[in-house]
Protein backbone atom coordinates (compact mmCIF):
# COMPACT_ATOMS: atom_id res chain seq x y z
CA MET A 1 -26.01 -2.30 -30.60
CA SER A 2 -22.71 -5.13 -30.34
CA ILE A 3 -19.40 -3.18 -30.96
CA GLU A 4 -16.66 -5.72 -31.97
CA TYR A 5 -14.12 -3.49 -33.72
CA ILE A 6 -12.36 -0.29 -32.21
CA VAL A 7 -10.14 1.89 -33.84
CA ILE A 8 -7.67 3.90 -31.88
CA GLN A 9 -6.21 6.57 -33.42
CA ALA A 10 -2.36 6.73 -31.90
CA GLY A 11 -0.75 9.12 -34.67
CA GLY A 12 1.31 12.12 -34.08
CA LYS A 13 4.20 12.85 -31.89
CA GLY A 14 3.08 13.39 -28.28
CA THR A 15 4.60 16.73 -28.40
CA ARG A 16 2.40 18.13 -25.35
CA LEU A 17 3.75 15.00 -23.30
CA GLY A 18 7.48 16.31 -23.78
CA ASN A 19 9.99 14.25 -22.74
CA LEU A 20 7.67 10.85 -21.99
CA THR A 21 7.23 10.56 -26.08
CA LYS A 22 11.21 10.99 -26.76
CA ASN A 23 11.42 7.11 -27.04
CA LYS A 24 8.19 5.98 -27.57
CA PRO A 25 4.96 6.70 -29.42
CA LYS A 26 2.29 8.68 -26.80
CA GLY A 27 -0.10 5.43 -27.25
CA ILE A 28 2.39 3.47 -24.91
CA VAL A 29 3.08 6.13 -22.22
CA PRO A 30 2.58 4.70 -18.74
CA VAL A 31 -0.33 6.47 -16.62
CA ASN A 32 -1.38 4.80 -13.48
CA ASN A 33 1.21 1.54 -14.32
CA LEU A 34 -0.14 0.97 -17.85
CA PRO A 35 0.39 2.32 -21.00
CA ILE A 36 -2.32 4.81 -22.06
CA ILE A 37 -4.16 2.33 -24.73
CA PHE A 38 -3.67 -0.93 -22.48
CA HIS A 39 -6.79 0.82 -20.17
CA LEU A 40 -8.81 0.29 -23.43
CA PHE A 41 -7.47 -3.18 -23.75
CA ASN A 42 -8.45 -4.01 -20.08
CA LYS A 43 -11.68 -2.22 -20.61
CA TYR A 44 -12.76 -4.42 -23.78
CA PRO A 45 -10.42 -7.53 -24.02
CA GLN A 46 -12.76 -9.24 -26.18
CA LYS A 47 -12.71 -6.59 -28.89
CA ARG A 48 -10.62 -6.28 -31.91
CA PHE A 49 -8.03 -3.24 -31.98
CA ILE A 50 -6.68 -1.29 -34.91
CA ILE A 51 -4.38 0.86 -34.03
CA ILE A 52 -3.02 4.00 -35.87
CA GLY A 53 0.10 5.04 -35.53
CA ASP A 54 3.15 7.12 -37.23
CA TYR A 55 5.53 8.28 -34.96
CA LYS A 56 8.13 5.65 -33.71
CA HIS A 57 6.12 3.04 -35.13
CA GLU A 58 8.14 0.10 -35.09
CA VAL A 59 8.71 0.75 -31.21
CA LEU A 60 4.61 0.27 -31.08
CA ASP A 61 5.25 -3.03 -33.02
CA LYS A 62 7.50 -4.30 -30.70
CA TYR A 63 5.74 -3.18 -27.68
CA LEU A 64 2.50 -4.39 -28.87
CA GLU A 65 3.66 -7.98 -30.09
CA SER A 66 5.48 -8.60 -26.58
CA PHE A 67 2.86 -7.60 -24.79
CA GLY A 68 -0.35 -6.96 -26.10
CA LYS A 69 -2.93 -9.71 -24.88
CA VAL A 70 -5.64 -8.64 -27.08
CA LYS A 71 -6.73 -8.92 -30.60
CA PHE A 72 -4.91 -6.35 -32.28
CA LEU A 73 -3.64 -4.96 -35.97
CA THR A 74 -1.34 -1.87 -36.42
CA VAL A 75 -1.72 0.45 -39.46
CA LYS A 76 0.82 3.03 -40.23
CA ALA A 77 -0.49 6.48 -41.33
CA GLU A 78 0.86 7.95 -44.27
CA GLY A 79 -0.37 11.60 -43.93
CA VAL A 80 -0.81 13.75 -40.91
CA GLY A 81 -3.77 15.02 -38.41
CA THR A 82 -6.86 12.92 -37.14
CA CYS A 83 -7.68 11.54 -40.22
CA ALA A 84 -4.41 10.14 -41.28
CA GLY A 85 -4.84 6.12 -41.49
CA ILE A 86 -8.30 5.86 -40.84
CA SER A 87 -9.15 5.16 -44.49
CA ASN A 88 -6.54 2.41 -44.23
CA ALA A 89 -7.99 1.13 -40.72
CA LEU A 90 -11.17 0.78 -41.78
CA LYS A 91 -9.87 -1.73 -44.95
CA TYR A 92 -10.11 -4.22 -41.51
CA VAL A 93 -13.57 -3.25 -40.56
CA PRO A 94 -16.37 -5.65 -41.99
CA ASP A 95 -18.98 -3.53 -44.08
CA LYS A 96 -22.28 -3.03 -42.17
CA GLN A 97 -20.34 -3.59 -38.98
CA PRO A 98 -20.40 -0.86 -36.05
CA PHE A 99 -17.31 0.13 -34.66
CA MET A 100 -15.74 2.81 -32.28
CA LEU A 101 -13.06 5.46 -32.75
CA ILE A 102 -10.90 6.75 -30.32
CA TRP A 103 -8.19 8.87 -29.47
CA SER A 104 -5.40 7.03 -27.83
CA ASP A 105 -4.93 9.71 -24.92
CA LEU A 106 -8.26 9.14 -23.64
CA ILE A 107 -9.00 6.58 -20.49
CA LEU A 108 -12.89 6.12 -20.15
CA GLY A 109 -14.93 6.23 -17.19
CA THR A 110 -15.95 2.96 -15.45
CA ASP A 111 -19.48 3.46 -16.35
CA ILE A 112 -19.04 3.92 -19.85
CA ASP A 113 -20.94 1.11 -22.03
CA ILE A 114 -20.72 1.48 -25.63
CA ASP A 115 -22.42 -2.10 -26.04
CA ALA A 116 -25.60 -0.89 -24.14
CA LEU A 117 -26.04 1.74 -27.17
CA ASP A 118 -28.61 1.77 -29.40
CA GLU A 119 -28.17 1.57 -32.97
CA GLY A 120 -26.54 5.07 -34.64
CA ASN A 121 -23.77 7.24 -34.72
CA TYR A 122 -22.76 8.78 -31.47
CA ILE A 123 -20.18 11.23 -30.26
CA GLY A 124 -18.74 11.49 -26.91
CA ILE A 125 -18.81 14.49 -25.07
CA SER A 126 -16.32 15.65 -22.19
CA LYS A 127 -17.52 16.53 -18.86
CA ASP A 128 -14.81 16.65 -16.62
CA PHE A 129 -12.05 18.20 -19.01
CA GLU A 130 -11.80 20.86 -21.61
CA CYS A 131 -11.69 20.48 -25.20
CA ARG A 132 -10.79 22.55 -28.27
CA TRP A 133 -13.84 21.63 -29.92
CA SER A 134 -17.53 21.59 -28.98
CA TYR A 135 -20.80 19.71 -30.37
CA LYS A 136 -23.90 21.74 -29.66
CA GLU A 137 -27.14 21.61 -31.19
CA ASP A 138 -25.90 18.88 -33.84
CA VAL A 139 -23.00 21.47 -35.04
CA PHE A 140 -19.40 21.47 -34.68
CA VAL A 141 -18.02 24.75 -33.26
CA GLU A 142 -14.22 25.12 -32.81
CA GLN A 143 -15.15 26.82 -29.36
CA HIS A 144 -13.49 25.78 -26.14
CA SER A 145 -15.86 23.70 -23.82
CA PHE A 146 -15.77 21.57 -20.56
CA GLU A 147 -19.34 20.68 -20.97
CA HIS A 148 -20.03 20.31 -24.75
CA GLY A 149 -16.45 19.28 -25.46
CA VAL A 150 -15.81 16.72 -28.38
CA ALA A 151 -13.71 14.32 -26.31
CA GLY A 152 -12.02 12.14 -29.31
CA LEU A 153 -14.96 9.39 -28.90
CA PHE A 154 -17.27 8.29 -31.71
CA VAL A 155 -19.27 5.23 -32.47
CA PHE A 156 -20.39 4.57 -36.16
CA LYS A 157 -23.10 2.05 -37.36
CA SER A 158 -21.38 1.41 -40.39
CA LYS A 159 -17.57 2.32 -41.94
CA SER A 160 -20.03 3.53 -44.52
CA GLU A 161 -20.33 6.99 -42.69
CA LEU A 162 -16.65 7.52 -43.07
CA LYS A 163 -16.35 6.35 -46.96
CA ASP A 164 -15.08 9.62 -48.01
CA VAL A 165 -12.64 10.61 -45.16
CA PRO A 166 -9.56 12.49 -46.30
CA TYR A 167 -6.04 10.85 -45.95
CA GLN A 168 -5.18 13.89 -43.91
CA GLY A 169 -6.55 16.44 -41.88
CA GLU A 170 -8.05 17.13 -38.84
CA LEU A 171 -11.59 14.84 -38.56
CA VAL A 172 -13.68 17.00 -36.61
CA ARG A 173 -13.23 19.76 -38.70
CA TRP A 174 -14.14 17.41 -41.88
CA MET A 175 -17.07 15.91 -39.97
CA GLY A 176 -18.39 19.52 -39.31
CA GLU A 177 -18.17 20.40 -43.10
CA LYS A 178 -19.87 17.32 -44.00
CA ALA A 179 -22.70 18.54 -41.34
CA LYS A 180 -22.50 14.85 -39.57
CA ILE A 181 -25.07 14.46 -36.86
CA PHE A 182 -24.84 12.30 -34.05
CA LYS A 183 -26.41 11.16 -30.68
CA GLU A 184 -24.48 12.36 -27.49
CA ILE A 185 -22.70 9.96 -24.81
CA GLY A 186 -21.57 12.18 -21.65
CA LEU A 187 -18.35 11.01 -20.76
CA TYR A 188 -18.45 11.16 -17.05
CA GLY A 189 -15.13 10.21 -15.41
CA THR A 190 -13.11 9.99 -18.22
CA ARG A 191 -9.64 11.29 -18.09
CA GLU A 192 -7.91 12.91 -21.19
CA VAL A 193 -4.12 12.49 -20.54
CA GLY A 194 -2.40 13.69 -23.81
CA THR A 195 -0.51 16.15 -21.77
CA LEU A 196 2.49 16.19 -19.40
CA VAL A 197 0.35 18.08 -16.68
CA ALA A 198 -2.70 16.14 -16.77
CA ILE A 199 -0.53 12.87 -16.35
CA GLU A 200 1.18 14.37 -13.59
CA GLN A 201 -1.79 15.28 -11.41
CA LEU A 202 -2.81 11.69 -11.95
CA GLY A 203 0.44 10.38 -10.60
CA THR A 204 -0.10 12.72 -7.52
CA ASN A 205 -1.44 9.68 -5.17
CA GLU A 206 1.01 9.33 -1.99
CA TYR A 207 0.78 5.26 -2.43
CA ARG A 208 2.24 4.06 -5.79
CA CYS A 209 1.36 0.47 -6.94
CA ARG A 210 2.20 -2.22 -8.98
CA PRO A 211 0.21 -2.33 -12.22
CA PHE A 212 -1.13 -5.95 -10.19
CA ASN A 213 -2.45 -4.29 -6.87
CA SER A 214 -4.22 -1.36 -5.35
CA MET A 215 -4.07 0.38 -2.40
CA GLU A 216 -6.93 1.97 -0.13
CA VAL A 217 -6.23 4.50 2.72
CA ASP A 218 -8.99 4.53 5.55
CA GLY A 219 -7.39 6.95 8.28
CA ASN A 220 -4.70 4.89 9.82
CA ILE A 221 -5.25 1.57 8.13
CA LEU A 222 -3.81 0.72 4.78
CA ILE A 223 -5.69 -1.90 2.75
CA LYS A 224 -3.75 -3.51 -0.02
CA ARG A 225 -5.54 -6.01 -2.58
CA PRO A 226 -4.51 -7.58 -5.62
CA ILE A 227 -6.05 -7.21 -9.04
CA ASP A 228 -5.14 -10.08 -11.28
CA GLU A 229 -3.81 -13.72 -11.23
CA GLN A 230 0.11 -12.41 -11.02
CA GLY A 231 -1.17 -10.03 -7.77
CA ARG A 232 -3.26 -12.96 -5.92
CA LYS A 233 -0.09 -15.00 -6.23
CA LEU A 234 2.49 -12.62 -4.61
CA ALA A 235 -0.62 -11.67 -2.23
CA ILE A 236 -0.15 -15.42 -0.85
CA ARG A 237 3.46 -14.94 -0.74
CA GLU A 238 3.34 -11.77 0.85
CA THR A 239 0.76 -13.13 3.47
CA LYS A 240 2.63 -16.47 4.10
CA TRP A 241 5.84 -14.01 4.62
CA TYR A 242 4.26 -11.85 7.46
CA LYS A 243 2.62 -14.84 9.27
CA GLU A 244 6.06 -16.49 9.67
CA VAL A 245 8.13 -13.78 10.81
CA GLN A 246 5.46 -13.05 13.32
CA LYS A 247 5.75 -16.50 14.79
CA TYR A 248 9.55 -15.50 15.77
CA GLU A 249 8.06 -11.69 17.29
CA PHE A 250 10.39 -10.08 14.44
CA SER A 251 8.53 -6.67 15.37
CA GLN A 252 9.80 -4.47 12.26
CA ILE A 253 6.98 -4.87 9.93
CA PRO A 254 3.53 -2.95 10.22
CA LYS A 255 0.85 -4.02 12.73
CA ILE A 256 -1.68 -6.42 10.72
CA PHE A 257 -5.03 -6.39 11.27
CA LYS A 258 -6.57 -9.10 9.04
CA TYR A 259 -4.75 -10.97 5.83
CA GLU A 260 -7.34 -11.17 3.15
CA PRO A 261 -7.71 -8.31 1.97
CA LEU A 262 -4.04 -7.45 3.70
CA THR A 263 -5.15 -4.68 6.10
CA MET A 264 -2.47 -2.89 7.94
CA GLU A 265 -1.53 0.02 10.47
CA LYS A 266 0.03 3.00 8.43
CA ILE A 267 3.22 3.42 9.26
CA LYS A 268 4.13 7.23 10.84
CA GLY A 269 7.22 7.75 8.88
CA ASN A 270 8.72 7.81 5.20
CA ASN A 271 10.42 5.76 2.43
CA ILE A 272 14.09 6.18 3.26
CA PHE A 273 14.39 7.52 -0.18
CA ASN A 274 12.27 10.36 0.70
CA THR A 275 14.06 11.17 4.12
CA ASN A 276 16.57 14.49 4.07
CA LEU A 277 18.78 13.55 6.57
CA THR A 278 22.79 14.22 7.14
CA ILE A 279 25.41 12.22 6.64
CA GLU A 280 25.51 11.17 10.25
CA GLU A 281 21.93 10.19 10.49
CA LYS A 282 22.23 8.25 7.12
CA ARG A 283 25.16 6.05 9.20
CA ILE A 284 22.27 5.51 11.71
CA VAL A 285 19.72 4.32 9.22
CA VAL A 286 22.30 1.98 7.58
CA ASP A 287 23.68 0.56 10.61
CA ASN A 288 19.85 -0.13 11.57
CA LEU A 289 18.69 -1.88 8.46
CA VAL A 290 21.90 -4.16 8.48
CA HIS A 291 21.33 -4.91 12.37
CA SER A 292 17.73 -5.47 11.48
CA LEU A 293 18.28 -7.60 8.25
CA GLU A 294 20.75 -9.77 10.23
CA LYS A 295 18.03 -9.96 12.56
CA LEU A 296 16.06 -11.22 10.35
CA HIS A 297 18.47 -13.44 8.37
CA GLY A 298 18.99 -15.28 12.10
CA LEU A 299 15.99 -16.03 12.80
CA LYS A 300 15.89 -19.06 10.91
CA GLY A 301 18.01 -21.42 8.48
CA THR A 302 17.19 -24.17 5.69
CA SER A 303 19.61 -26.11 3.47
CA VAL A 304 21.15 -24.45 0.37
CA ASP A 305 18.99 -25.39 -3.07
CA VAL A 306 21.59 -24.59 -5.78
CA PHE A 307 18.74 -24.86 -7.97
CA SER A 308 16.91 -21.84 -6.57
CA ILE A 309 20.07 -19.95 -6.85
CA MET A 310 20.59 -20.98 -10.48
CA GLU A 311 16.98 -19.99 -11.17
CA ALA A 312 17.17 -16.31 -9.46
CA TYR A 313 20.37 -15.27 -10.80
CA TYR A 314 20.75 -17.11 -14.06
CA HIS A 315 17.59 -18.80 -15.83
CA LYS A 316 15.08 -15.69 -14.55
CA THR A 317 17.26 -12.90 -15.72
CA ILE A 318 18.15 -14.61 -19.09
CA LYS A 319 14.51 -15.68 -19.94
CA ARG A 320 13.18 -12.24 -19.06
CA LEU A 321 16.09 -10.90 -21.38
CA GLU A 322 14.89 -13.13 -23.90
CA SER A 323 11.46 -11.60 -24.08
CA VAL A 324 12.36 -8.20 -24.33
CA ARG A 325 15.08 -9.02 -27.37
CA ASP A 326 13.36 -7.33 -29.94
CA LEU A 327 12.49 -4.44 -28.00
CA ILE A 328 15.69 -2.80 -27.19
CA PRO A 329 17.91 -0.92 -29.86
CA PHE A 330 21.47 -2.12 -29.93
CA ALA A 331 20.56 -5.92 -28.57
CA ASP A 332 22.04 -7.15 -31.99
CA GLN A 333 25.69 -5.62 -31.22
CA GLU A 334 28.25 -7.28 -29.23
CA TYR A 335 29.13 -4.33 -27.55
CA ILE A 336 26.92 -1.44 -26.92
CA ARG A 337 28.45 2.06 -26.06
CA ILE A 338 26.66 3.28 -22.72
CA ASN A 339 27.59 6.36 -21.08
CA LYS A 340 30.96 6.52 -23.11
CA LYS A 341 31.60 3.28 -22.24
CA ASN A 342 31.99 0.05 -24.48
CA CYS A 343 29.82 -2.34 -22.54
CA ARG A 344 29.61 -6.26 -23.71
CA ASN A 345 26.02 -7.22 -24.42
CA PRO A 346 24.72 -9.76 -22.06
CA TYR A 347 22.93 -11.39 -25.20
CA PHE A 348 26.05 -12.20 -26.36
CA TYR A 349 28.09 -13.12 -23.09
CA LYS A 350 25.37 -15.82 -21.72
CA ASP A 351 28.30 -18.42 -21.10
CA GLU A 352 30.94 -15.84 -19.08
CA PHE A 353 27.94 -14.82 -17.22
CA ARG A 354 26.47 -18.27 -16.38
CA LYS A 355 29.81 -19.28 -15.54
CA LYS A 356 30.09 -16.19 -12.98
CA VAL A 357 26.99 -17.02 -11.39
CA LYS A 358 28.21 -20.74 -10.84
CA ASP A 359 31.78 -19.59 -9.52
CA LEU A 360 30.40 -16.88 -7.39
CA LEU A 361 27.16 -16.91 -6.64
CA CYS A 362 26.68 -20.78 -5.76
CA ASP A 363 29.25 -20.68 -2.83
CA VAL A 364 26.13 -20.22 -0.11
CA ASN A 365 26.48 -21.81 3.30
CA LYS A 366 22.84 -22.15 4.06
CA PHE A 367 19.59 -20.36 3.39
CA VAL A 368 18.17 -17.71 5.47
CA LEU A 369 14.70 -15.73 6.34
CA ILE A 370 14.93 -13.09 3.95
CA HIS A 371 12.66 -10.09 2.76
CA GLY A 372 13.54 -10.51 -1.03
CA ASP A 373 12.80 -6.81 -2.07
CA CYS A 374 13.92 -4.67 0.84
CA THR A 375 14.53 -1.61 -1.62
CA PHE A 376 14.15 1.56 -0.45
CA SER A 377 10.65 1.93 -1.78
CA ASN A 378 10.18 -1.16 0.50
CA THR A 379 11.68 -0.14 3.81
CA MET A 380 10.66 2.79 6.10
CA VAL A 381 12.35 4.62 8.77
CA ASP A 382 10.24 6.37 11.66
CA SER A 383 11.31 9.71 13.46
CA ASP A 384 13.54 7.57 15.43
CA LEU A 385 15.49 6.30 12.49
CA ASN A 386 13.56 2.77 13.19
CA ILE A 387 13.25 0.36 10.45
CA VAL A 388 10.10 -0.62 8.79
CA PHE A 389 10.01 -3.45 6.33
CA LEU A 390 7.20 -3.74 3.86
CA ASP A 391 5.84 -5.50 0.49
CA PRO A 392 8.13 -8.93 0.99
CA ARG A 393 8.81 -10.75 -2.02
CA GLY A 394 8.20 -14.18 0.21
CA TYR A 395 10.30 -16.83 -2.41
CA PHE A 396 13.58 -17.04 -4.04
CA GLY A 397 13.95 -19.29 -6.90
CA PHE A 398 12.08 -22.21 -6.23
CA GLN A 399 11.85 -21.77 -2.25
CA GLU A 400 9.51 -19.91 -0.44
CA LEU A 401 10.78 -17.70 2.45
CA TYR A 402 14.39 -18.55 2.57
CA GLY A 403 17.14 -17.89 0.20
CA ASP A 404 20.33 -16.23 -0.02
CA GLU A 405 21.21 -13.53 2.46
CA TYR A 406 23.14 -11.65 -0.34
CA TYR A 407 20.08 -11.31 -2.37
CA ASP A 408 18.85 -8.71 0.14
CA TRP A 409 22.36 -7.02 0.77
CA ALA A 410 22.38 -6.47 -2.94
CA LYS A 411 18.76 -5.10 -2.81
CA VAL A 412 19.61 -2.67 -0.09
CA TYR A 413 22.83 -1.57 -2.65
CA TYR A 414 20.48 -1.13 -5.71
CA SER A 415 18.84 1.41 -3.83
CA ILE A 416 21.98 3.40 -1.96
CA GLU A 417 24.22 2.86 -5.35
CA GLY A 418 22.06 2.40 -7.81
CA ASP A 419 19.43 4.72 -7.21
CA TYR A 420 16.74 2.46 -8.23
CA ASP A 421 13.79 4.26 -6.19
CA GLN A 422 14.32 7.61 -8.45
CA PHE A 423 14.14 5.22 -11.21
CA ASN A 424 11.22 3.30 -10.38
CA ASN A 425 9.62 6.95 -9.82
CA LYS A 426 10.28 7.45 -13.90
CA LYS A 427 12.93 10.28 -12.62
CA PHE A 428 15.73 9.45 -15.08
CA ASN A 429 16.37 10.93 -18.78
CA LEU A 430 17.20 7.70 -21.72
CA THR A 431 18.83 9.43 -25.16
CA MET A 432 19.26 6.62 -27.63
CA THR A 433 21.10 7.98 -30.59
CA ASN A 434 22.54 6.41 -33.72
CA ASN A 435 25.55 4.44 -32.08
CA GLU A 436 25.57 5.18 -28.60
CA VAL A 437 23.10 5.40 -25.07
CA TRP A 438 23.11 8.13 -22.51
CA LEU A 439 21.37 7.08 -19.31
CA GLU A 440 21.10 9.62 -16.41
CA ILE A 441 18.81 8.57 -12.97
CA GLU A 442 18.34 11.30 -10.24
CA THR A 443 20.15 10.48 -6.93
CA ASN A 444 18.48 9.16 -4.14
CA GLY A 445 21.28 10.97 -2.44
CA TRP A 446 22.74 8.11 -0.41
CA LYS A 447 25.98 7.02 -2.63
CA ASP A 448 27.88 8.84 0.07
CA VAL A 449 27.47 5.84 2.40
CA GLY A 450 27.62 2.97 -0.30
CA GLU A 451 30.97 1.60 0.92
CA TYR A 452 30.06 2.44 4.74
CA PHE A 453 27.11 0.14 3.97
CA ILE A 454 29.47 -2.70 2.74
CA SER A 455 31.75 -2.24 5.55
CA ARG A 456 29.22 -3.04 7.97
CA ILE A 457 28.17 -6.46 6.92
CA SER A 458 29.67 -9.16 8.50
CA GLY A 459 32.11 -11.41 6.39
CA CYS A 460 30.38 -9.11 3.05
CA ASN A 461 32.13 -10.20 -0.21
CA PRO A 462 31.78 -7.00 -2.07
CA GLU A 463 32.27 -8.55 -5.48
CA LYS A 464 29.20 -10.61 -4.76
CA ILE A 465 26.53 -7.61 -4.05
CA LYS A 466 28.26 -5.70 -7.30
CA PHE A 467 27.77 -8.53 -9.35
CA LEU A 468 24.24 -9.05 -8.08
CA HIS A 469 23.30 -5.48 -8.69
CA ALA A 470 23.87 -5.93 -12.14
CA ILE A 471 22.08 -8.80 -12.38
CA ILE A 472 19.17 -7.17 -10.43
CA TRP A 473 18.89 -4.15 -12.93
CA LEU A 474 18.59 -6.68 -15.90
CA SER A 475 15.93 -8.70 -14.51
CA LEU A 476 14.45 -5.52 -13.86
CA THR A 477 13.82 -5.33 -17.66
CA THR A 478 10.31 -6.99 -17.79
CA TYR A 479 9.01 -6.36 -14.21
CA ALA A 480 8.72 -2.64 -15.51
CA TRP A 481 6.91 -3.87 -18.69
CA GLU A 482 4.48 -1.19 -18.37
CA ASP A 483 6.99 1.76 -19.54
CA TYR A 484 9.32 1.10 -22.71
CA ASP A 485 11.85 3.53 -21.21
CA SER A 486 12.67 1.63 -18.21
CA ILE A 487 12.53 -1.53 -20.01
CA CYS A 488 15.14 -0.36 -22.29
CA GLY A 489 16.92 1.68 -19.15
CA ALA A 490 16.75 -1.39 -16.69
CA PHE A 491 18.77 -3.23 -19.65
CA TYR A 492 21.54 -0.61 -20.55
CA LYS A 493 21.86 -0.05 -16.76
CA GLY A 494 22.61 -3.58 -16.21
CA THR A 495 25.17 -3.75 -18.83
CA TYR A 496 26.43 -0.95 -18.05
CA LEU A 497 27.20 -2.85 -14.58
CA LEU A 498 28.27 -5.98 -15.86
CA GLU A 499 30.99 -4.88 -17.93
CA ASP A 500 32.74 -4.14 -14.70
CA VAL A 501 32.13 -7.37 -13.25
CA LEU A 502 32.64 -9.70 -16.29
């Protein structure tokens, strides 16, 4: 049976997800680096999706318009409960066409294949998580079960099977009252992520990757693989960087065993933001980090490419901002009140922004070998506080390998002063009221060496670093696309910092 249409029930406030749904609907809460319903999009990229929402429906619409790559429509439910919105959604399913109805908080196992089903009506039965309703011997029972649980996946041979569905109420209860009979599908490997606890359990992996990478651990070896086109492009650049610095015997990288896939030693140490050091030890780390970057920058230089500077600092930033403009609350206002400060909105001050980049950041003597992303998430220390660099960016603007050394210094400052790594791990609180924004980010605990860090850089211009710090936050908006709160939070943080520079 070929199933072309999928109806996703994404209504409800998602109260079991706590603070994660304060600003967004539950269907786009990120799980394993993807909004929940995007796992379904990726599993069935050629199908047509009808998504039912209600709470924060305008956020759902705008988010999907910006990032949805599948065929989709949204429907706003008027009633409450799992019946709400279904009758409206079914208007978009042709007569006599089979379709799947699924709750938005299910991530299907890899072996689930709805297209392999014979004709008929099917119900998904949980095998790995507890459900409130059970389905036993063709009868719905309001009884908790791990093995016979009604998981929230149904396949119908035609929409006529739901022709009398009420506009609100509990769908499973209604189907039980109607004595609906289904064939069963065992949902092995499927995860229900409708609670904060379930999401936290999925997020306990020691090695957190971006959506375009996967990481495999084999004893003392790490294997990093790209999983999409973006990942493949970045992997080529990363490999090229490792090969280049090894030419000069730069030792502050992991031992590389193989390049395809990238196979390296597992470092015995910690990411800098995960360390618990005294102020004296932090200063030693800062000294070692500055020395290590100066050593890298001194390996080889090349002539300056001003076009790359403008691309990296201005054009890329503006392009990213424009792509999410409709998503961000208050983006249509010239001033935004953030953490009790009135801040100029960069959307309204592009001319001033461009001029500042040209006047301050284009004054560069030469390009050097740079890391390009030496945040504390990509930098480790061993037990002797020696520095090890990971995940190099490998490009700057239009240039491979070489770029402005201030970009590296600003990326370190981004972790020291900006607490980027906590933000990256979703340890922040964003509140958006009718007329202002409040953003609180948990601290990395390194602000007390912020000025010390700047003082250790030879010939440093602090204004450059602080301007770049704002730019890097603004550029993070679409890089953090999988989380609506991160998109908005990065924009507001960058806007707040930019106010001091402009």
